[in-house]
Protein backbone atom coordinates (compact mmCIF):
# COMPACT_ATOMS: atom_id res chain seq x y z
CA MET A 1 43.82 -6.13 -321.28
CA PRO A 2 42.60 -6.65 -317.68
CA THR A 3 45.16 -7.08 -314.93
CA HIS A 4 45.10 -8.41 -311.40
CA ASN A 5 43.96 -5.01 -310.14
CA PRO A 6 40.26 -5.47 -309.19
CA GLU A 7 39.29 -1.90 -310.05
CA GLU A 8 40.99 -2.00 -313.44
CA PHE A 9 39.47 -5.41 -314.17
CA LEU A 10 35.99 -4.08 -313.38
CA ARG A 11 36.43 -1.05 -315.64
CA THR A 12 37.84 -3.14 -318.48
CA VAL A 13 35.47 -6.11 -318.47
CA GLY A 14 32.36 -4.70 -316.81
CA LEU A 15 32.21 -7.37 -314.10
CA SER A 16 34.22 -7.97 -310.96
CA GLN A 17 36.70 -10.81 -310.73
CA GLU A 18 34.36 -12.83 -308.51
CA ASP A 19 31.44 -12.43 -310.89
CA PHE A 20 33.68 -13.32 -313.82
CA ARG A 21 34.82 -16.56 -312.18
CA HIS A 22 31.25 -17.39 -311.19
CA LEU A 23 30.04 -16.79 -314.75
CA ASN A 24 32.91 -18.84 -316.17
CA GLU A 25 32.03 -21.79 -313.94
CA LYS A 26 28.36 -21.65 -314.93
CA LEU A 27 29.31 -21.48 -318.59
CA ALA A 28 31.67 -24.46 -318.25
CA ASP A 29 29.02 -26.53 -316.43
CA TYR A 30 26.45 -25.73 -319.11
CA LEU A 31 28.79 -26.77 -321.93
CA ASP A 32 29.65 -30.01 -320.14
CA GLU A 33 25.95 -30.82 -319.76
CA GLN A 34 25.36 -30.17 -323.44
CA LYS A 35 28.22 -32.46 -324.40
CA VAL A 36 26.70 -35.24 -322.29
CA LEU A 37 23.25 -34.73 -323.78
CA ASN A 38 24.59 -34.47 -327.32
CA PRO A 39 27.71 -36.64 -327.59
CA LEU A 40 29.66 -36.18 -330.81
CA THR A 41 32.94 -37.72 -331.83
CA ARG A 42 33.95 -34.68 -333.89
CA ARG A 43 32.88 -31.10 -333.26
CA GLY A 44 34.51 -29.38 -336.22
CA ARG A 45 38.04 -28.17 -336.68
CA LYS A 46 39.54 -25.71 -334.23
CA ASN A 47 40.53 -22.44 -335.87
CA SER A 48 42.00 -21.03 -332.68
CA LYS A 49 43.30 -22.23 -329.36
CA LEU A 50 41.25 -19.84 -327.27
CA ILE A 51 40.16 -21.48 -324.04
CA LEU A 52 36.75 -20.90 -322.52
CA GLU A 53 38.00 -18.25 -320.11
CA ASP A 54 39.54 -16.24 -322.96
CA ARG A 55 36.38 -16.55 -325.04
CA LEU A 56 34.30 -15.25 -322.15
CA LEU A 57 36.78 -12.44 -321.63
CA LEU A 58 36.56 -11.65 -325.34
CA THR A 59 32.76 -11.49 -325.20
CA LEU A 60 32.64 -9.23 -322.16
CA TYR A 61 35.33 -6.95 -323.54
CA TYR A 62 33.40 -6.60 -326.81
CA LEU A 63 30.16 -5.76 -324.97
CA ARG A 64 31.92 -3.33 -322.64
CA HIS A 65 33.94 -1.32 -325.18
CA TYR A 66 32.41 -2.30 -328.57
CA PRO A 67 35.72 -2.12 -330.49
CA THR A 68 36.26 -2.62 -334.19
CA LEU A 69 37.21 -6.00 -335.62
CA ILE A 70 40.84 -4.95 -336.03
CA ASN A 71 41.20 -4.28 -332.30
CA LEU A 72 39.20 -7.41 -331.49
CA GLY A 73 41.65 -9.56 -333.48
CA ARG A 74 44.34 -8.93 -330.86
CA PHE A 75 42.85 -11.67 -328.71
CA SER A 76 44.14 -14.28 -331.12
CA ALA A 77 46.65 -14.67 -333.89
CA SER A 78 43.85 -15.70 -336.26
CA ALA A 79 41.90 -13.28 -338.41
CA SER A 80 39.45 -10.90 -336.81
CA ARG A 81 36.52 -12.44 -338.68
CA ILE A 82 37.25 -15.74 -336.94
CA VAL A 83 37.40 -13.99 -333.56
CA ILE A 84 33.97 -12.45 -334.12
CA ARG A 85 32.63 -15.96 -334.67
CA PHE A 86 33.86 -16.91 -331.21
CA TYR A 87 32.06 -13.88 -329.82
CA ALA A 88 28.81 -14.77 -331.59
CA ARG A 89 28.88 -18.37 -330.36
CA THR A 90 29.83 -17.45 -326.81
CA ALA A 91 27.19 -14.72 -326.67
CA ARG A 92 24.42 -17.14 -327.69
CA VAL A 93 25.47 -19.66 -325.06
CA LEU A 94 25.90 -16.96 -322.44
CA ALA A 95 22.37 -15.71 -323.11
CA LYS A 96 21.07 -19.21 -322.29
CA VAL A 97 23.08 -19.42 -319.08
CA GLU A 98 22.25 -15.92 -317.77
CA LYS A 99 18.54 -15.38 -318.26
CA LEU A 100 16.32 -12.56 -317.06
CA LEU A 101 13.76 -13.09 -314.33
CA THR A 102 10.87 -12.12 -316.57
CA ALA A 103 7.51 -10.94 -315.30
CA ARG A 104 6.01 -14.26 -316.39
CA CYS A 105 8.27 -16.11 -313.96
CA CYS A 106 7.34 -13.86 -311.03
CA TYR A 107 3.84 -15.27 -310.67
CA LYS A 108 4.16 -18.96 -311.40
CA LYS A 109 4.20 -19.69 -307.66
CA PRO A 110 1.85 -18.16 -305.07
CA GLN A 111 3.52 -15.34 -303.18
CA PRO A 112 2.49 -13.02 -300.34
CA PRO A 113 0.40 -10.01 -301.38
CA TRP A 114 3.15 -7.53 -300.54
CA ARG A 115 5.42 -9.25 -303.05
CA LEU A 116 2.75 -9.43 -305.71
CA MET A 117 2.16 -5.69 -305.63
CA PHE A 118 5.51 -4.77 -307.08
CA ARG A 119 6.04 -1.54 -308.96
CA SER A 120 7.32 -1.64 -312.48
CA SER A 121 8.48 1.13 -314.73
CA LEU A 122 9.00 1.31 -318.47
CA SER A 123 11.94 2.88 -320.17
CA ASN A 124 12.56 3.31 -323.87
CA VAL A 125 16.10 3.58 -325.18
CA LEU A 126 16.75 4.55 -328.78
CA SER A 127 19.93 3.31 -330.40
CA LYS A 128 21.19 4.55 -333.72
CA THR A 129 22.02 2.06 -336.42
CA ARG A 130 24.43 2.23 -339.27
CA LYS A 131 23.10 4.18 -342.25
CA PRO A 132 22.79 2.29 -345.53
CA THR A 133 24.18 5.17 -347.61
CA THR A 134 26.05 8.36 -346.91
CA GLN A 135 23.36 10.42 -348.63
CA GLU A 136 20.61 9.25 -346.30
CA LYS A 137 19.44 12.11 -344.07
CA LYS A 138 17.11 10.19 -341.76
CA ARG A 139 18.33 8.35 -338.70
CA HIS A 140 17.58 4.66 -338.46
CA THR A 141 16.89 3.69 -334.85
CA ILE A 142 15.94 0.64 -332.82
CA LYS A 143 13.89 0.89 -329.63
CA ALA A 144 14.56 -1.14 -326.51
CA GLN A 145 11.93 -1.17 -323.76
CA ILE A 146 13.03 -2.12 -320.25
CA VAL A 147 10.69 -3.35 -317.51
CA ILE A 148 12.11 -3.19 -313.99
CA CYS A 149 10.88 -3.85 -310.48
CA LEU A 150 11.35 -0.73 -308.36
CA LEU A 151 11.41 -2.73 -305.14
CA THR A 152 14.54 -4.70 -306.10
CA LEU A 153 15.82 -2.68 -309.10
CA THR A 154 15.86 -5.90 -311.12
CA ILE A 155 15.47 -5.85 -314.89
CA LEU A 156 12.56 -8.16 -315.57
CA SER A 157 12.26 -7.96 -319.32
CA VAL A 158 13.75 -6.27 -322.37
CA VAL A 159 11.74 -5.96 -325.59
CA ALA A 160 13.19 -4.57 -328.82
CA GLY A 161 11.14 -2.85 -331.49
CA LYS A 162 11.46 -0.46 -334.39
CA GLY A 163 12.31 3.15 -333.65
CA ARG A 164 9.20 4.50 -335.32
CA GLN A 165 6.97 2.16 -333.31
CA HIS A 166 4.94 3.65 -330.46
CA ASP A 167 5.99 2.92 -326.88
CA PHE A 168 2.65 1.38 -325.94
CA ALA A 169 2.64 -0.72 -329.13
CA VAL A 170 5.99 -2.21 -328.12
CA PHE A 171 4.68 -2.95 -324.63
CA LYS A 172 1.45 -4.44 -325.95
CA GLY A 173 3.33 -6.61 -328.44
CA SER A 174 5.57 -8.01 -325.72
CA CYS A 175 2.54 -9.76 -324.11
CA LEU A 176 3.99 -9.49 -320.60
CA LEU A 177 1.93 -11.26 -317.96
CA LEU A 178 1.57 -8.72 -315.15
CA HIS A 179 -0.35 -9.32 -311.95
CA PRO A 180 -3.69 -7.43 -311.72
CA ASN A 181 -2.55 -5.76 -308.48
CA ALA A 182 0.77 -4.61 -309.89
CA LEU A 183 1.35 -0.86 -309.81
CA CYS A 184 2.70 0.48 -313.10
CA TRP A 185 3.82 3.99 -313.86
CA ARG A 186 3.87 5.54 -317.29
CA ILE A 187 4.62 8.96 -318.73
CA ARG A 188 2.10 9.43 -321.52
CA ASP A 189 -1.66 9.05 -321.52
CA THR A 190 -2.29 6.62 -324.37
CA LYS A 191 -5.70 5.52 -325.62
CA GLY A 192 -6.27 1.92 -324.54
CA CYS A 193 -3.43 1.89 -322.03
CA THR A 194 -5.76 2.27 -319.06
CA ASN A 195 -7.77 -0.77 -320.16
CA THR A 196 -4.62 -2.87 -320.43
CA ILE A 197 -2.92 -1.61 -317.25
CA LYS A 198 -5.58 -0.89 -314.66
CA ASN A 199 -3.38 0.13 -311.72
CA SER A 200 -1.36 2.67 -313.67
CA THR A 201 -0.35 6.14 -312.58
CA LEU A 202 0.76 9.03 -314.76
CA PRO A 203 1.78 12.61 -314.03
CA ILE A 204 -0.83 15.35 -314.07
CA LYS A 205 -0.33 17.74 -316.98
CA LYS A 206 -1.22 21.37 -316.96
CA LYS A 207 -4.02 22.43 -319.28
CA LYS A 208 -3.84 25.52 -321.44
CA GLY A 209 -4.51 28.65 -319.41
CA GLN A 210 -4.53 26.84 -316.08
CA ILE A 211 -2.06 26.34 -313.23
CA LEU A 212 -1.35 23.14 -311.37
CA SER A 213 -2.36 23.08 -307.75
CA ALA A 214 0.01 22.31 -304.90
CA GLU A 215 -1.40 18.80 -304.58
CA ASP A 216 -0.84 18.08 -308.27
CA LYS A 217 2.75 19.35 -308.05
CA ALA A 218 3.36 17.17 -305.00
CA HIS A 219 1.93 14.18 -306.88
CA ASN A 220 4.21 14.78 -309.86
CA LYS A 221 7.23 15.27 -307.61
CA ALA A 222 6.60 12.03 -305.73
CA LEU A 223 6.15 10.22 -309.03
CA SER A 224 9.39 11.61 -310.46
CA LYS A 225 11.30 10.54 -307.34
CA GLN A 226 10.26 6.96 -307.98
CA ARG A 227 10.74 7.04 -311.74
CA ILE A 228 14.31 8.30 -311.43
CA PHE A 229 15.39 4.75 -310.63
CA ILE A 230 14.72 3.67 -314.21
CA GLU A 231 17.20 6.30 -315.37
CA HIS A 232 19.76 4.79 -313.01
CA ILE A 233 19.15 1.39 -314.61
CA ASN A 234 19.63 2.95 -318.05
CA ARG A 235 22.96 4.33 -316.90
CA ARG A 236 24.04 0.90 -315.65
CA CYS A 237 23.16 -0.69 -318.99
CA LYS A 238 24.91 2.00 -321.02
CA ILE A 239 28.18 1.21 -319.28
CA PHE A 240 28.35 -1.48 -321.93
CA ARG A 241 29.09 0.60 -325.02
CA ILE A 242 27.40 -1.79 -327.43
CA VAL A 243 23.97 -0.51 -326.36
CA LYS A 244 25.08 3.14 -326.27
CA ASP A 245 27.12 3.69 -329.41
CA VAL A 246 25.91 3.38 -332.99
CA TYR A 247 24.90 -0.26 -333.41
CA ARG A 248 26.86 -1.88 -336.24
CA GLY A 249 25.47 -5.40 -336.01
CA LYS A 250 22.46 -7.10 -337.51
CA HIS A 251 19.04 -5.94 -336.38
CA LYS A 252 17.91 -9.47 -335.58
CA ASN A 253 20.68 -9.77 -332.96
CA TYR A 254 19.79 -6.51 -331.19
CA SER A 255 17.30 -8.13 -328.82
CA LEU A 256 19.83 -10.83 -327.90
CA THR A 257 22.44 -8.17 -327.17
CA TRP A 258 20.14 -6.18 -324.89
CA ASN A 259 18.98 -9.26 -322.98
CA LEU A 260 22.58 -10.29 -322.46
CA VAL A 261 23.57 -6.83 -321.23
CA ALA A 262 20.55 -6.71 -318.89
CA ALA A 263 21.48 -10.09 -317.41
CA LEU A 264 25.06 -8.91 -316.85
CA VAL A 265 23.78 -5.76 -315.13
CA ASN A 266 21.64 -7.87 -312.79
CA LEU A 267 24.65 -10.04 -312.05
CA ARG A 268 26.99 -7.12 -311.42
CA TYR A 269 24.69 -5.32 -309.00
CA SER A 270 23.48 -8.55 -307.36
CA CYS A 271 19.84 -7.92 -308.20
CA ILE A 272 18.96 -11.60 -308.49
């Protein structure tokens, strides 16, 4: 359990004490607004006496360490299956409070040209899922594609897809609205990708029996220096063990989990 030590609290929950209080206040204000908009005399029976702060702490602890239900039941005297319901409800509300600044939102208002020409990078993270049977030899995976702005290191969008799906197919299916002058970097040369992303740059590959020139090597080195930032963002996200370990939840909730983790990463590193 987190203590008053700021460093220990950050390592246990994943957010600092100031960010936790700020997030708790936003969550309380949102719930109060919803109660005013939808007044009800009865809101169901209370299976536990967990206050809002404890429910938020439960949600962040679950995302940070991804424990089993037996360990998660220590937050309350009730059964662990009831505690996981509190996590599911709090996570859905928290995803509405902390939203990502998607690429669609970046261009609703006119901005100076130097802000329009942001650089974005794509990253694909594969997460293993629980196998249906012990005799299954193949690995079942889910793909998460992250779009970031390299000028601010802000996660703009997270799109989830099947593991066997191609990277460009996931990006094309996301229907992200990018500015025509945006500079995008990609790793692989895919047919049709150049038509979709005009201002895209990719590393120069060596052909069979040939050697790369000094200019081509310098180009690839400069490109790798910029693309390394997406790996840093991946490391920040994987601090939350739920997106790093074998995913045990439902596949339909995987996109919600990644968007929630991305929003928490933006909040922790003050990207927004």
